[in-house]
Amino acid sequence: MGKRKAKKRSNSTLKTTSYFKRFQVKFARRRLGKTDYYARQRLILQDKNKYNSPKYRFSVRFTNRDVICQVIYATIKGDVTICAAYSHELPKYGMKAGLTNYAATYATGLLCARR
């Protein structure tokens, strides 16, 4: 029985301390997979001929207990919410049951639009 030869590793796969010293981590929301910044940039970019006017977007989010509707625009400091409506506010207007169904979603969007 002969001796086994150790396999050679290529130097290109080894990362040195200078690599890790200069390594820049991605944004936290990118690392968590919450934000696709390429898609976000395409979504919030306003036309150049509209100058300083903000680009509004209507956001609808579903949770297990609620429907959340918001009108939002982006700034350098962060997104600004102009108005919001929640489906848990609907019982004040006479809608008692089913706060996450299709009708409640429509009513919540209508409530946000009226504000």
PDB file of N, CA and C in Angstrom:
ATOM      1  N   MET A   1       0.828  -1.176   0.000  1.00  0.00           N
ATOM      2  CA  MET A   1       0.000   0.000   0.000  1.00  0.00           C
ATOM      3  C   MET A   1       0.874   1.241   0.000  1.00  0.00           C
ATOM      4  N   GLY A   2       0.623   2.103  -0.970  1.00  0.00           N
ATOM      5  CA  GLY A   2       1.414   3.321  -1.085  1.00  0.00           C
ATOM      6  C   GLY A   2       0.811   4.481  -0.306  1.00  0.00           C
ATOM      7  N   LYS A   3       1.604   5.532  -0.204  1.00  0.00           N
ATOM      8  CA  LYS A   3       1.117   6.732   0.485  1.00  0.00           C
ATOM      9  C   LYS A   3       0.200   7.513  -0.458  1.00  0.00           C
ATOM     10  N   ARG A   4      -0.831   8.122   0.146  1.00  0.00           N
ATOM     11  CA  ARG A   4      -1.727   8.961  -0.655  1.00  0.00           C
ATOM     12  C   ARG A   4      -1.142  10.352  -0.767  1.00  0.00           C
ATOM     13  N   LYS A   5      -1.324  10.945  -1.938  1.00  0.00           N
ATOM     14  CA  LYS A   5      -0.864  12.314  -2.139  1.00  0.00           C
ATOM     15  C   LYS A   5      -1.973  13.278  -1.734  1.00  0.00           C
ATOM     16  N   ALA A   6      -1.600  14.360  -1.092  1.00  0.00           N
ATOM     17  CA  ALA A   6      -2.567  15.388  -0.711  1.00  0.00           C
ATOM     18  C   ALA A   6      -2.978  16.168  -1.956  1.00  0.00           C
ATOM     19  N   LYS A   7      -4.276  16.457  -2.056  1.00  0.00           N
ATOM     20  CA  LYS A   7      -4.768  17.213  -3.206  1.00  0.00           C
ATOM     21  C   LYS A   7      -4.344  18.665  -3.064  1.00  0.00           C
ATOM     22  N   LYS A   8      -3.958  19.241  -4.197  1.00  0.00           N
ATOM     23  CA  LYS A   8      -3.547  20.641  -4.204  1.00  0.00           C
ATOM     24  C   LYS A   8      -4.767  21.542  -4.289  1.00  0.00           C
ATOM     25  N   ARG A   9      -4.741  22.629  -3.524  1.00  0.00           N
ATOM     26  CA  ARG A   9      -5.784  23.640  -3.619  1.00  0.00           C
ATOM     27  C   ARG A   9      -5.262  24.773  -4.477  1.00  0.00           C
ATOM     28  N   SER A  10      -6.156  25.322  -5.288  1.00  0.00           N
ATOM     29  CA  SER A  10      -5.722  26.466  -6.084  1.00  0.00           C
ATOM     30  C   SER A  10      -5.772  27.715  -5.213  1.00  0.00           C
ATOM     31  N   ASN A  11      -4.831  28.623  -5.429  1.00  0.00           N
ATOM     32  CA  ASN A  11      -4.736  29.827  -4.616  1.00  0.00           C
ATOM     33  C   ASN A  11      -5.880  30.798  -4.864  1.00  0.00           C
ATOM     34  N   SER A  12      -6.575  30.661  -5.982  1.00  0.00           N
ATOM     35  CA  SER A  12      -7.635  31.611  -6.308  1.00  0.00           C
ATOM     36  C   SER A  12      -8.852  31.460  -5.387  1.00  0.00           C
ATOM     37  N   THR A  13      -9.032  30.289  -4.771  1.00  0.00           N
ATOM     38  CA  THR A  13     -10.195  30.102  -3.909  1.00  0.00           C
ATOM     39  C   THR A  13      -9.949  30.571  -2.480  1.00  0.00           C
ATOM     40  N   LEU A  14      -8.689  30.767  -2.098  1.00  0.00           N
ATOM     41  CA  LEU A  14      -8.396  31.223  -0.745  1.00  0.00           C
ATOM     42  C   LEU A  14      -8.586  32.729  -0.659  1.00  0.00           C
ATOM     43  N   LYS A  15      -9.299  33.157   0.375  1.00  0.00           N
ATOM     44  CA  LYS A  15      -9.518  34.585   0.568  1.00  0.00           C
ATOM     45  C   LYS A  15      -8.595  35.075   1.673  1.00  0.00           C
ATOM     46  N   THR A  16      -7.886  36.135   1.379  1.00  0.00           N
ATOM     47  CA  THR A  16      -6.905  36.646   2.329  1.00  0.00           C
ATOM     48  C   THR A  16      -7.551  37.675   3.253  1.00  0.00           C
ATOM     49  N   THR A  17      -6.772  38.139   4.239  1.00  0.00           N
ATOM     50  CA  THR A  17      -7.294  39.137   5.178  1.00  0.00           C
ATOM     51  C   THR A  17      -7.583  40.455   4.472  1.00  0.00           C
ATOM     52  N   SER A  18      -6.825  40.775   3.446  1.00  0.00           N
ATOM     53  CA  SER A  18      -7.070  42.028   2.730  1.00  0.00           C
ATOM     54  C   SER A  18      -8.415  41.994   2.001  1.00  0.00           C
ATOM     55  N   TYR A  19      -8.853  40.803   1.591  1.00  0.00           N
ATOM     56  CA  TYR A  19     -10.175  40.667   0.974  1.00  0.00           C
ATOM     57  C   TYR A  19     -11.261  41.013   1.991  1.00  0.00           C
ATOM     58  N   PHE A  20     -11.164  40.429   3.170  1.00  0.00           N
ATOM     59  CA  PHE A  20     -12.196  40.651   4.184  1.00  0.00           C
ATOM     60  C   PHE A  20     -12.130  42.064   4.761  1.00  0.00           C
ATOM     61  N   LYS A  21     -10.942  42.673   4.776  1.00  0.00           N
ATOM     62  CA  LYS A  21     -10.805  44.040   5.266  1.00  0.00           C
ATOM     63  C   LYS A  21     -11.569  45.016   4.385  1.00  0.00           C
ATOM     64  N   ARG A  22     -11.547  44.756   3.083  1.00  0.00           N
ATOM     65  CA  ARG A  22     -12.169  45.681   2.134  1.00  0.00           C
ATOM     66  C   ARG A  22     -13.584  45.259   1.725  1.00  0.00           C
ATOM     67  N   PHE A  23     -14.068  44.159   2.271  1.00  0.00           N
ATOM     68  CA  PHE A  23     -15.386  43.638   1.903  1.00  0.00           C
ATOM     69  C   PHE A  23     -16.484  44.563   2.410  1.00  0.00           C
ATOM     70  N   GLN A  24     -17.401  44.945   1.523  1.00  0.00           N
ATOM     71  CA  GLN A  24     -18.510  45.815   1.902  1.00  0.00           C
ATOM     72  C   GLN A  24     -19.802  45.011   1.871  1.00  0.00           C
ATOM     73  N   VAL A  25     -20.495  44.997   2.997  1.00  0.00           N
ATOM     74  CA  VAL A  25     -21.730  44.217   3.069  1.00  0.00           C
ATOM     75  C   VAL A  25     -22.849  44.957   2.341  1.00  0.00           C
ATOM     76  N   LYS A  26     -23.834  44.196   1.874  1.00  0.00           N
ATOM     77  CA  LYS A  26     -24.990  44.775   1.203  1.00  0.00           C
ATOM     78  C   LYS A  26     -25.898  45.438   2.249  1.00  0.00           C
ATOM     79  N   PHE A  27     -26.858  46.236   1.771  1.00  0.00           N
ATOM     80  CA  PHE A  27     -27.831  46.859   2.665  1.00  0.00           C
ATOM     81  C   PHE A  27     -28.573  45.784   3.452  1.00  0.00           C
ATOM     82  N   ALA A  28     -29.024  46.145   4.655  1.00  0.00           N
ATOM     83  CA  ALA A  28     -29.686  45.179   5.539  1.00  0.00           C
ATOM     84  C   ALA A  28     -30.958  44.619   4.901  1.00  0.00           C
ATOM     85  N   ARG A  29     -31.765  45.476   4.277  1.00  0.00           N
ATOM     86  CA  ARG A  29     -33.006  44.999   3.665  1.00  0.00           C
ATOM     87  C   ARG A  29     -32.723  44.121   2.442  1.00  0.00           C
ATOM     88  N   ARG A  30     -31.589  44.339   1.788  1.00  0.00           N
ATOM     89  CA  ARG A  30     -31.173  43.487   0.669  1.00  0.00           C
ATOM     90  C   ARG A  30     -30.749  42.117   1.188  1.00  0.00           C
ATOM     91  N   ARG A  31     -30.001  42.118   2.306  1.00  0.00           N
ATOM     92  CA  ARG A  31     -29.550  40.852   2.889  1.00  0.00           C
ATOM     93  C   ARG A  31     -30.717  40.014   3.392  1.00  0.00           C
ATOM     94  N   LEU A  32     -31.736  40.673   3.934  1.00  0.00           N
ATOM     95  CA  LEU A  32     -32.907  39.957   4.438  1.00  0.00           C
ATOM     96  C   LEU A  32     -33.862  39.543   3.324  1.00  0.00           C
ATOM     97  N   GLY A  33     -33.640  40.081   2.116  1.00  0.00           N
ATOM     98  CA  GLY A  33     -34.503  39.739   0.994  1.00  0.00           C
ATOM     99  C   GLY A  33     -35.826  40.488   1.014  1.00  0.00           C
ATOM    100  N   LYS A  34     -35.898  41.603   1.753  1.00  0.00           N
ATOM    101  CA  LYS A  34     -37.142  42.371   1.841  1.00  0.00           C
ATOM    102  C   LYS A  34     -37.287  43.359   0.694  1.00  0.00           C
ATOM    103  N   THR A  35     -36.176  43.915   0.202  1.00  0.00           N
ATOM    104  CA  THR A  35     -36.245  44.966  -0.807  1.00  0.00           C
ATOM    105  C   THR A  35     -35.402  44.605  -2.022  1.00  0.00           C
ATOM    106  N   ASP A  36     -36.023  44.693  -3.192  1.00  0.00           N
ATOM    107  CA  ASP A  36     -35.312  44.577  -4.453  1.00  0.00           C
ATOM    108  C   ASP A  36     -35.079  46.009  -4.928  1.00  0.00           C
ATOM    109  N   TYR A  37     -33.872  46.516  -4.729  1.00  0.00           N
ATOM    110  CA  TYR A  37     -33.606  47.926  -4.982  1.00  0.00           C
ATOM    111  C   TYR A  37     -33.668  48.282  -6.461  1.00  0.00           C
ATOM    112  N   TYR A  38     -33.416  47.337  -7.343  1.00  0.00           N
ATOM    113  CA  TYR A  38     -33.536  47.592  -8.775  1.00  0.00           C
ATOM    114  C   TYR A  38     -35.002  47.855  -9.122  1.00  0.00           C
ATOM    115  N   ALA A  39     -35.887  46.999  -8.626  1.00  0.00           N
ATOM    116  CA  ALA A  39     -37.317  47.170  -8.889  1.00  0.00           C
ATOM    117  C   ALA A  39     -37.847  48.426  -8.211  1.00  0.00           C
ATOM    118  N   ARG A  40     -37.358  48.716  -7.001  1.00  0.00           N
ATOM    119  CA  ARG A  40     -37.808  49.909  -6.271  1.00  0.00           C
ATOM    120  C   ARG A  40     -37.441  51.180  -7.027  1.00  0.00           C
ATOM    121  N   GLN A  41     -36.239  51.213  -7.587  1.00  0.00           N
ATOM    122  CA  GLN A  41     -35.808  52.389  -8.337  1.00  0.00           C
ATOM    123  C   GLN A  41     -36.703  52.609  -9.556  1.00  0.00           C
ATOM    124  N   ARG A  42     -37.052  51.535 -10.239  1.00  0.00           N
ATOM    125  CA  ARG A  42     -37.931  51.639 -11.403  1.00  0.00           C
ATOM    126  C   ARG A  42     -39.331  52.101 -10.983  1.00  0.00           C
ATOM    127  N   LEU A  43     -39.757  51.703  -9.795  1.00  0.00           N
ATOM    128  CA  LEU A  43     -41.096  52.020  -9.319  1.00  0.00           C
ATOM    129  C   LEU A  43     -41.239  53.484  -8.935  1.00  0.00           C
ATOM    130  N   ILE A  44     -40.222  54.065  -8.287  1.00  0.00           N
ATOM    131  CA  ILE A  44     -40.381  55.403  -7.711  1.00  0.00           C
ATOM    132  C   ILE A  44     -39.787  56.516  -8.558  1.00  0.00           C
ATOM    133  N   LEU A  45     -39.129  56.188  -9.662  1.00  0.00           N
ATOM    134  CA  LEU A  45     -38.483  57.206 -10.479  1.00  0.00           C
ATOM    135  C   LEU A  45     -39.528  58.040 -11.224  1.00  0.00           C
ATOM    136  N   GLN A  46     -39.521  59.344 -11.000  1.00  0.00           N
ATOM    137  CA  GLN A  46     -40.477  60.257 -11.635  1.00  0.00           C
ATOM    138  C   GLN A  46     -39.908  60.756 -12.964  1.00  0.00           C
ATOM    139  N   ASP A  47     -40.790  61.057 -13.915  1.00  0.00           N
ATOM    140  CA  ASP A  47     -40.359  61.591 -15.205  1.00  0.00           C
ATOM    141  C   ASP A  47     -39.638  62.922 -15.014  1.00  0.00           C
ATOM    142  N   LYS A  48     -38.615  63.177 -15.829  1.00  0.00           N
ATOM    143  CA  LYS A  48     -37.803  64.386 -15.681  1.00  0.00           C
ATOM    144  C   LYS A  48     -38.577  65.656 -16.038  1.00  0.00           C
ATOM    145  N   ASN A  49     -39.580  65.540 -16.916  1.00  0.00           N
ATOM    146  CA  ASN A  49     -40.326  66.736 -17.311  1.00  0.00           C
ATOM    147  C   ASN A  49     -41.370  67.148 -16.268  1.00  0.00           C
ATOM    148  N   LYS A  50     -41.494  66.364 -15.199  1.00  0.00           N
ATOM    149  CA  LYS A  50     -42.441  66.708 -14.130  1.00  0.00           C
ATOM    150  C   LYS A  50     -41.734  67.388 -12.967  1.00  0.00           C
ATOM    151  N   TYR A  51     -40.453  67.629 -13.142  1.00  0.00           N
ATOM    152  CA  TYR A  51     -39.622  68.397 -12.212  1.00  0.00           C
ATOM    153  C   TYR A  51     -39.735  67.917 -10.771  1.00  0.00           C
ATOM    154  N   ASN A  52     -40.215  68.760  -9.852  1.00  0.00           N
ATOM    155  CA  ASN A  52     -40.097  68.442  -8.428  1.00  0.00           C
ATOM    156  C   ASN A  52     -41.347  67.788  -7.842  1.00  0.00           C
ATOM    157  N   SER A  53     -42.284  67.365  -8.689  1.00  0.00           N
ATOM    158  CA  SER A  53     -43.512  66.778  -8.154  1.00  0.00           C
ATOM    159  C   SER A  53     -43.271  65.319  -7.757  1.00  0.00           C
ATOM    160  N   PRO A  54     -43.812  64.900  -6.612  1.00  0.00           N
ATOM    161  CA  PRO A  54     -43.584  63.522  -6.159  1.00  0.00           C
ATOM    162  C   PRO A  54     -44.415  62.526  -6.969  1.00  0.00           C
ATOM    163  N   LYS A  55     -43.956  61.291  -6.998  1.00  0.00           N
ATOM    164  CA  LYS A  55     -44.693  60.228  -7.669  1.00  0.00           C
ATOM    165  C   LYS A  55     -45.386  59.407  -6.584  1.00  0.00           C
ATOM    166  N   TYR A  56     -46.708  59.453  -6.578  1.00  0.00           N
ATOM    167  CA  TYR A  56     -47.480  58.774  -5.546  1.00  0.00           C
ATOM    168  C   TYR A  56     -47.706  57.325  -5.938  1.00  0.00           C
ATOM    169  N   ARG A  57     -47.791  56.465  -4.925  1.00  0.00           N
ATOM    170  CA  ARG A  57     -48.154  55.075  -5.179  1.00  0.00           C
ATOM    171  C   ARG A  57     -49.145  54.617  -4.119  1.00  0.00           C
ATOM    172  N   PHE A  58     -50.046  53.759  -4.531  1.00  0.00           N
ATOM    173  CA  PHE A  58     -51.086  53.236  -3.644  1.00  0.00           C
ATOM    174  C   PHE A  58     -50.674  51.839  -3.237  1.00  0.00           C
ATOM    175  N   SER A  59     -50.438  51.647  -1.956  1.00  0.00           N
ATOM    176  CA  SER A  59     -49.938  50.374  -1.450  1.00  0.00           C
ATOM    177  C   SER A  59     -51.040  49.660  -0.678  1.00  0.00           C
ATOM    178  N   VAL A  60     -51.262  48.390  -0.992  1.00  0.00           N
ATOM    179  CA  VAL A  60     -52.238  47.573  -0.271  1.00  0.00           C
ATOM    180  C   VAL A  60     -51.506  46.363   0.277  1.00  0.00           C
ATOM    181  N   ARG A  61     -51.627  46.167   1.580  1.00  0.00           N
ATOM    182  CA  ARG A  61     -50.971  45.025   2.229  1.00  0.00           C
ATOM    183  C   ARG A  61     -52.018  44.213   2.978  1.00  0.00           C
ATOM    184  N   PHE A  62     -51.864  42.908   2.929  1.00  0.00           N
ATOM    185  CA  PHE A  62     -52.788  42.002   3.601  1.00  0.00           C
ATOM    186  C   PHE A  62     -52.074  41.329   4.763  1.00  0.00           C
ATOM    187  N   THR A  63     -52.686  41.358   5.927  1.00  0.00           N
ATOM    188  CA  THR A  63     -52.213  40.570   7.054  1.00  0.00           C
ATOM    189  C   THR A  63     -53.309  39.552   7.357  1.00  0.00           C
ATOM    190  N   ASN A  64     -53.077  38.703   8.338  1.00  0.00           N
ATOM    191  CA  ASN A  64     -54.099  37.711   8.675  1.00  0.00           C
ATOM    192  C   ASN A  64     -55.354  38.355   9.257  1.00  0.00           C
ATOM    193  N   ARG A  65     -55.200  39.493   9.917  1.00  0.00           N
ATOM    194  CA  ARG A  65     -56.334  40.127  10.586  1.00  0.00           C
ATOM    195  C   ARG A  65     -56.776  41.432   9.948  1.00  0.00           C
ATOM    196  N   ASP A  66     -56.014  41.956   9.012  1.00  0.00           N
ATOM    197  CA  ASP A  66     -56.236  43.321   8.567  1.00  0.00           C
ATOM    198  C   ASP A  66     -55.912  43.504   7.090  1.00  0.00           C
ATOM    199  N   VAL A  67     -56.465  44.578   6.523  1.00  0.00           N
ATOM    200  CA  VAL A  67     -56.058  45.074   5.211  1.00  0.00           C
ATOM    201  C   VAL A  67     -55.578  46.498   5.431  1.00  0.00           C
ATOM    202  N   ILE A  68     -54.392  46.828   4.911  1.00  0.00           N
ATOM    203  CA  ILE A  68     -53.799  48.147   5.106  1.00  0.00           C
ATOM    204  C   ILE A  68     -53.648  48.802   3.739  1.00  0.00           C
ATOM    205  N   CYS A  69     -54.222  49.985   3.584  1.00  0.00           N
ATOM    206  CA  CYS A  69     -54.094  50.759   2.351  1.00  0.00           C
ATOM    207  C   CYS A  69     -53.379  52.061   2.665  1.00  0.00           C
ATOM    208  N   GLN A  70     -52.395  52.424   1.845  1.00  0.00           N
ATOM    209  CA  GLN A  70     -51.628  53.643   2.073  1.00  0.00           C
ATOM    210  C   GLN A  70     -51.336  54.333   0.746  1.00  0.00           C
ATOM    211  N   VAL A  71     -51.259  55.663   0.795  1.00  0.00           N
ATOM    212  CA  VAL A  71     -50.769  56.454  -0.333  1.00  0.00           C
ATOM    213  C   VAL A  71     -49.407  56.982   0.087  1.00  0.00           C
ATOM    214  N   ILE A  72     -48.365  56.657  -0.702  1.00  0.00           N
ATOM    215  CA  ILE A  72     -46.982  56.896  -0.304  1.00  0.00           C
ATOM    216  C   ILE A  72     -46.244  57.592  -1.440  1.00  0.00           C
ATOM    217  N   TYR A  73     -45.262  58.427  -1.083  1.00  0.00           N
ATOM    218  CA  TYR A  73     -44.308  58.905  -2.074  1.00  0.00           C
ATOM    219  C   TYR A  73     -42.910  58.860  -1.471  1.00  0.00           C
ATOM    220  N   ALA A  74     -41.906  58.764  -2.333  1.00  0.00           N
ATOM    221  CA  ALA A  74     -40.526  58.576  -1.890  1.00  0.00           C
ATOM    222  C   ALA A  74     -39.789  59.904  -1.848  1.00  0.00           C
ATOM    223  N   THR A  75     -38.927  60.061  -0.830  1.00  0.00           N
ATOM    224  CA  THR A  75     -38.012  61.194  -0.737  1.00  0.00           C
ATOM    225  C   THR A  75     -36.622  60.643  -0.464  1.00  0.00           C
ATOM    226  N   ILE A  76     -35.639  61.529  -0.442  1.00  0.00           N
ATOM    227  CA  ILE A  76     -34.271  61.096  -0.165  1.00  0.00           C
ATOM    228  C   ILE A  76     -34.160  60.552   1.260  1.00  0.00           C
ATOM    229  N   LYS A  77     -34.828  61.215   2.203  1.00  0.00           N
ATOM    230  CA  LYS A  77     -34.755  60.794   3.605  1.00  0.00           C
ATOM    231  C   LYS A  77     -35.505  59.499   3.872  1.00  0.00           C
ATOM    232  N   GLY A  78     -36.501  59.197   3.065  1.00  0.00           N
ATOM    233  CA  GLY A  78     -37.308  57.998   3.265  1.00  0.00           C
ATOM    234  C   GLY A  78     -38.699  58.211   2.702  1.00  0.00           C
ATOM    235  N   ASP A  79     -39.487  57.155   2.680  1.00  0.00           N
ATOM    236  CA  ASP A  79     -40.836  57.242   2.137  1.00  0.00           C
ATOM    237  C   ASP A  79     -41.750  58.004   3.097  1.00  0.00           C
ATOM    238  N   VAL A  80     -42.677  58.769   2.520  1.00  0.00           N
ATOM    239  CA  VAL A  80     -43.634  59.553   3.301  1.00  0.00           C
ATOM    240  C   VAL A  80     -45.034  59.015   3.016  1.00  0.00           C
ATOM    241  N   THR A  81     -45.763  58.686   4.086  1.00  0.00           N
ATOM    242  CA  THR A  81     -47.135  58.215   3.955  1.00  0.00           C
ATOM    243  C   THR A  81     -48.078  59.399   4.088  1.00  0.00           C
ATOM    244  N   ILE A  82     -48.889  59.633   3.067  1.00  0.00           N
ATOM    245  CA  ILE A  82     -49.820  60.759   3.074  1.00  0.00           C
ATOM    246  C   ILE A  82     -51.078  60.400   3.858  1.00  0.00           C
ATOM    247  N   CYS A  83     -51.674  59.265   3.518  1.00  0.00           N
ATOM    248  CA  CYS A  83     -52.844  58.823   4.267  1.00  0.00           C
ATOM    249  C   CYS A  83     -52.860  57.303   4.302  1.00  0.00           C
ATOM    250  N   ALA A  84     -53.547  56.780   5.295  1.00  0.00           N
ATOM    251  CA  ALA A  84     -53.639  55.334   5.465  1.00  0.00           C
ATOM    252  C   ALA A  84     -55.029  54.983   5.961  1.00  0.00           C
ATOM    253  N   ALA A  85     -55.486  53.789   5.611  1.00  0.00           N
ATOM    254  CA  ALA A  85     -56.765  53.278   6.101  1.00  0.00           C
ATOM    255  C   ALA A  85     -56.583  51.801   6.429  1.00  0.00           C
ATOM    256  N   TYR A  86     -57.214  51.377   7.495  1.00  0.00           N
ATOM    257  CA  TYR A  86     -57.117  49.999   7.959  1.00  0.00           C
ATOM    258  C   TYR A  86     -58.518  49.399   8.007  1.00  0.00           C
ATOM    259  N   SER A  87     -58.599  48.101   7.740  1.00  0.00           N
ATOM    260  CA  SER A  87     -59.921  47.475   7.736  1.00  0.00           C
ATOM    261  C   SER A  87     -60.496  47.349   9.141  1.00  0.00           C
ATOM    262  N   HIS A  88     -59.672  47.467  10.188  1.00  0.00           N
ATOM    263  CA  HIS A  88     -60.249  47.407  11.542  1.00  0.00           C
ATOM    264  C   HIS A  88     -61.016  48.686  11.890  1.00  0.00           C
ATOM    265  N   GLU A  89     -60.954  49.707  11.003  1.00  0.00           N
ATOM    266  CA  GLU A  89     -61.755  50.923  11.180  1.00  0.00           C
ATOM    267  C   GLU A  89     -63.153  50.771  10.585  1.00  0.00           C
ATOM    268  N   LEU A  90     -63.380  49.739   9.794  1.00  0.00           N
ATOM    269  CA  LEU A  90     -64.649  49.579   9.080  1.00  0.00           C
ATOM    270  C   LEU A  90     -65.866  49.378   9.986  1.00  0.00           C
ATOM    271  N   PRO A  91     -65.750  48.733  11.155  1.00  0.00           N
ATOM    272  CA  PRO A  91     -66.945  48.608  12.008  1.00  0.00           C
ATOM    273  C   PRO A  91     -67.564  49.950  12.409  1.00  0.00           C
ATOM    274  N   LYS A  92     -66.777  51.021  12.419  1.00  0.00           N
ATOM    275  CA  LYS A  92     -67.325  52.356  12.702  1.00  0.00           C
ATOM    276  C   LYS A  92     -68.299  52.801  11.614  1.00  0.00           C
ATOM    277  N   TYR A  93     -68.126  52.242  10.403  1.00  0.00           N
ATOM    278  CA  TYR A  93     -68.956  52.619   9.265  1.00  0.00           C
ATOM    279  C   TYR A  93     -70.032  51.578   8.964  1.00  0.00           C
ATOM    280  N   GLY A  94     -70.205  50.602   9.857  1.00  0.00           N
ATOM    281  CA  GLY A  94     -71.299  49.642   9.720  1.00  0.00           C
ATOM    282  C   GLY A  94     -70.915  48.277   9.180  1.00  0.00           C
ATOM    283  N   MET A  95     -69.661  48.059   8.815  1.00  0.00           N
ATOM    284  CA  MET A  95     -69.240  46.751   8.305  1.00  0.00           C
ATOM    285  C   MET A  95     -68.624  45.969   9.460  1.00  0.00           C
ATOM    286  N   LYS A  96     -69.362  44.989   9.966  1.00  0.00           N
ATOM    287  CA  LYS A  96     -68.960  44.339  11.212  1.00  0.00           C
ATOM    288  C   LYS A  96     -68.080  43.096  11.008  1.00  0.00           C
ATOM    289  N   ALA A  97     -68.404  42.266  10.021  1.00  0.00           N
ATOM    290  CA  ALA A  97     -67.727  40.974   9.890  1.00  0.00           C
ATOM    291  C   ALA A  97     -66.885  40.919   8.622  1.00  0.00           C
ATOM    292  N   GLY A  98     -65.943  39.985   8.612  1.00  0.00           N
ATOM    293  CA  GLY A  98     -65.137  39.727   7.420  1.00  0.00           C
ATOM    294  C   GLY A  98     -64.259  40.889   7.032  1.00  0.00           C
ATOM    295  N   LEU A  99     -63.290  41.213   7.883  1.00  0.00           N
ATOM    296  CA  LEU A  99     -62.462  42.393   7.645  1.00  0.00           C
ATOM    297  C   LEU A  99     -61.264  42.128   6.736  1.00  0.00           C
ATOM    298  N   THR A 100     -61.152  40.909   6.210  1.00  0.00           N
ATOM    299  CA  THR A 100     -60.037  40.620   5.297  1.00  0.00           C
ATOM    300  C   THR A 100     -60.525  40.086   3.953  1.00  0.00           C
ATOM    301  N   ASN A 101     -61.823  40.118   3.709  1.00  0.00           N
ATOM    302  CA  ASN A 101     -62.322  39.571   2.451  1.00  0.00           C
ATOM    303  C   ASN A 101     -62.284  40.620   1.332  1.00  0.00           C
ATOM    304  N   TYR A 102     -62.775  40.242   0.172  1.00  0.00           N
ATOM    305  CA  TYR A 102     -62.699  41.098  -1.015  1.00  0.00           C
ATOM    306  C   TYR A 102     -63.471  42.398  -0.819  1.00  0.00           C
ATOM    307  N   ALA A 103     -64.657  42.299  -0.231  1.00  0.00           N
ATOM    308  CA  ALA A 103     -65.491  43.484  -0.012  1.00  0.00           C
ATOM    309  C   ALA A 103     -64.826  44.439   0.977  1.00  0.00           C
ATOM    310  N   ALA A 104     -64.198  43.885   2.007  1.00  0.00           N
ATOM    311  CA  ALA A 104     -63.507  44.720   2.997  1.00  0.00           C
ATOM    312  C   ALA A 104     -62.301  45.410   2.367  1.00  0.00           C
ATOM    313  N   THR A 105     -61.638  44.732   1.452  1.00  0.00           N
ATOM    314  CA  THR A 105     -60.498  45.327   0.756  1.00  0.00           C
ATOM    315  C   THR A 105     -60.955  46.516  -0.085  1.00  0.00           C
ATOM    316  N   TYR A 106     -62.060  46.332  -0.791  1.00  0.00           N
ATOM    317  CA  TYR A 106     -62.626  47.419  -1.598  1.00  0.00           C
ATOM    318  C   TYR A 106     -63.020  48.596  -0.714  1.00  0.00           C
ATOM    319  N   ALA A 107     -63.688  48.307   0.401  1.00  0.00           N
ATOM    320  CA  ALA A 107     -64.157  49.358   1.303  1.00  0.00           C
ATOM    321  C   ALA A 107     -62.987  50.098   1.953  1.00  0.00           C
ATOM    322  N   THR A 108     -61.921  49.379   2.268  1.00  0.00           N
ATOM    323  CA  THR A 108     -60.739  50.013   2.868  1.00  0.00           C
ATOM    324  C   THR A 108     -60.056  50.923   1.853  1.00  0.00           C
ATOM    325  N   GLY A 109     -59.962  50.486   0.609  1.00  0.00           N
ATOM    326  CA  GLY A 109     -59.404  51.323  -0.454  1.00  0.00           C
ATOM    327  C   GLY A 109     -60.243  52.569  -0.679  1.00  0.00           C
ATOM    328  N   LEU A 110     -61.560  52.422  -0.615  1.00  0.00           N
ATOM    329  CA  LEU A 110     -62.475  53.550  -0.764  1.00  0.00           C
ATOM    330  C   LEU A 110     -62.310  54.539   0.385  1.00  0.00           C
ATOM    331  N   LEU A 111     -62.142  54.003   1.595  1.00  0.00           N
ATOM    332  CA  LEU A 111     -61.939  54.839   2.780  1.00  0.00           C
ATOM    333  C   LEU A 111     -60.644  55.642   2.667  1.00  0.00           C
ATOM    334  N   CYS A 112     -59.604  54.994   2.167  1.00  0.00           N
ATOM    335  CA  CYS A 112     -58.317  55.681   1.979  1.00  0.00           C
ATOM    336  C   CYS A 112     -58.444  56.759   0.903  1.00  0.00           C
ATOM    337  N   ALA A 113     -59.177  56.462  -0.158  1.00  0.00           N
ATOM    338  CA  ALA A 113     -59.350  57.430  -1.248  1.00  0.00           C
ATOM    339  C   ALA A 113     -60.138  58.652  -0.788  1.00  0.00           C
ATOM    340  N   ARG A 114     -61.120  58.454   0.100  1.00  0.00           N
ATOM    341  CA  ARG A 114     -61.923  59.563   0.601  1.00  0.00           C
ATOM    342  C   ARG A 114     -61.116  60.487   1.505  1.00  0.00           C
ATOM    343  N   ARG A 115     -60.055  59.971   2.092  1.00  0.00           N
ATOM    344  CA  ARG A 115     -59.219  60.787   2.973  1.00  0.00           C
ATOM    345  C   ARG A 115     -58.285  61.635   2.153  1.00  0.00           C
TER     346      ARG A 115
END
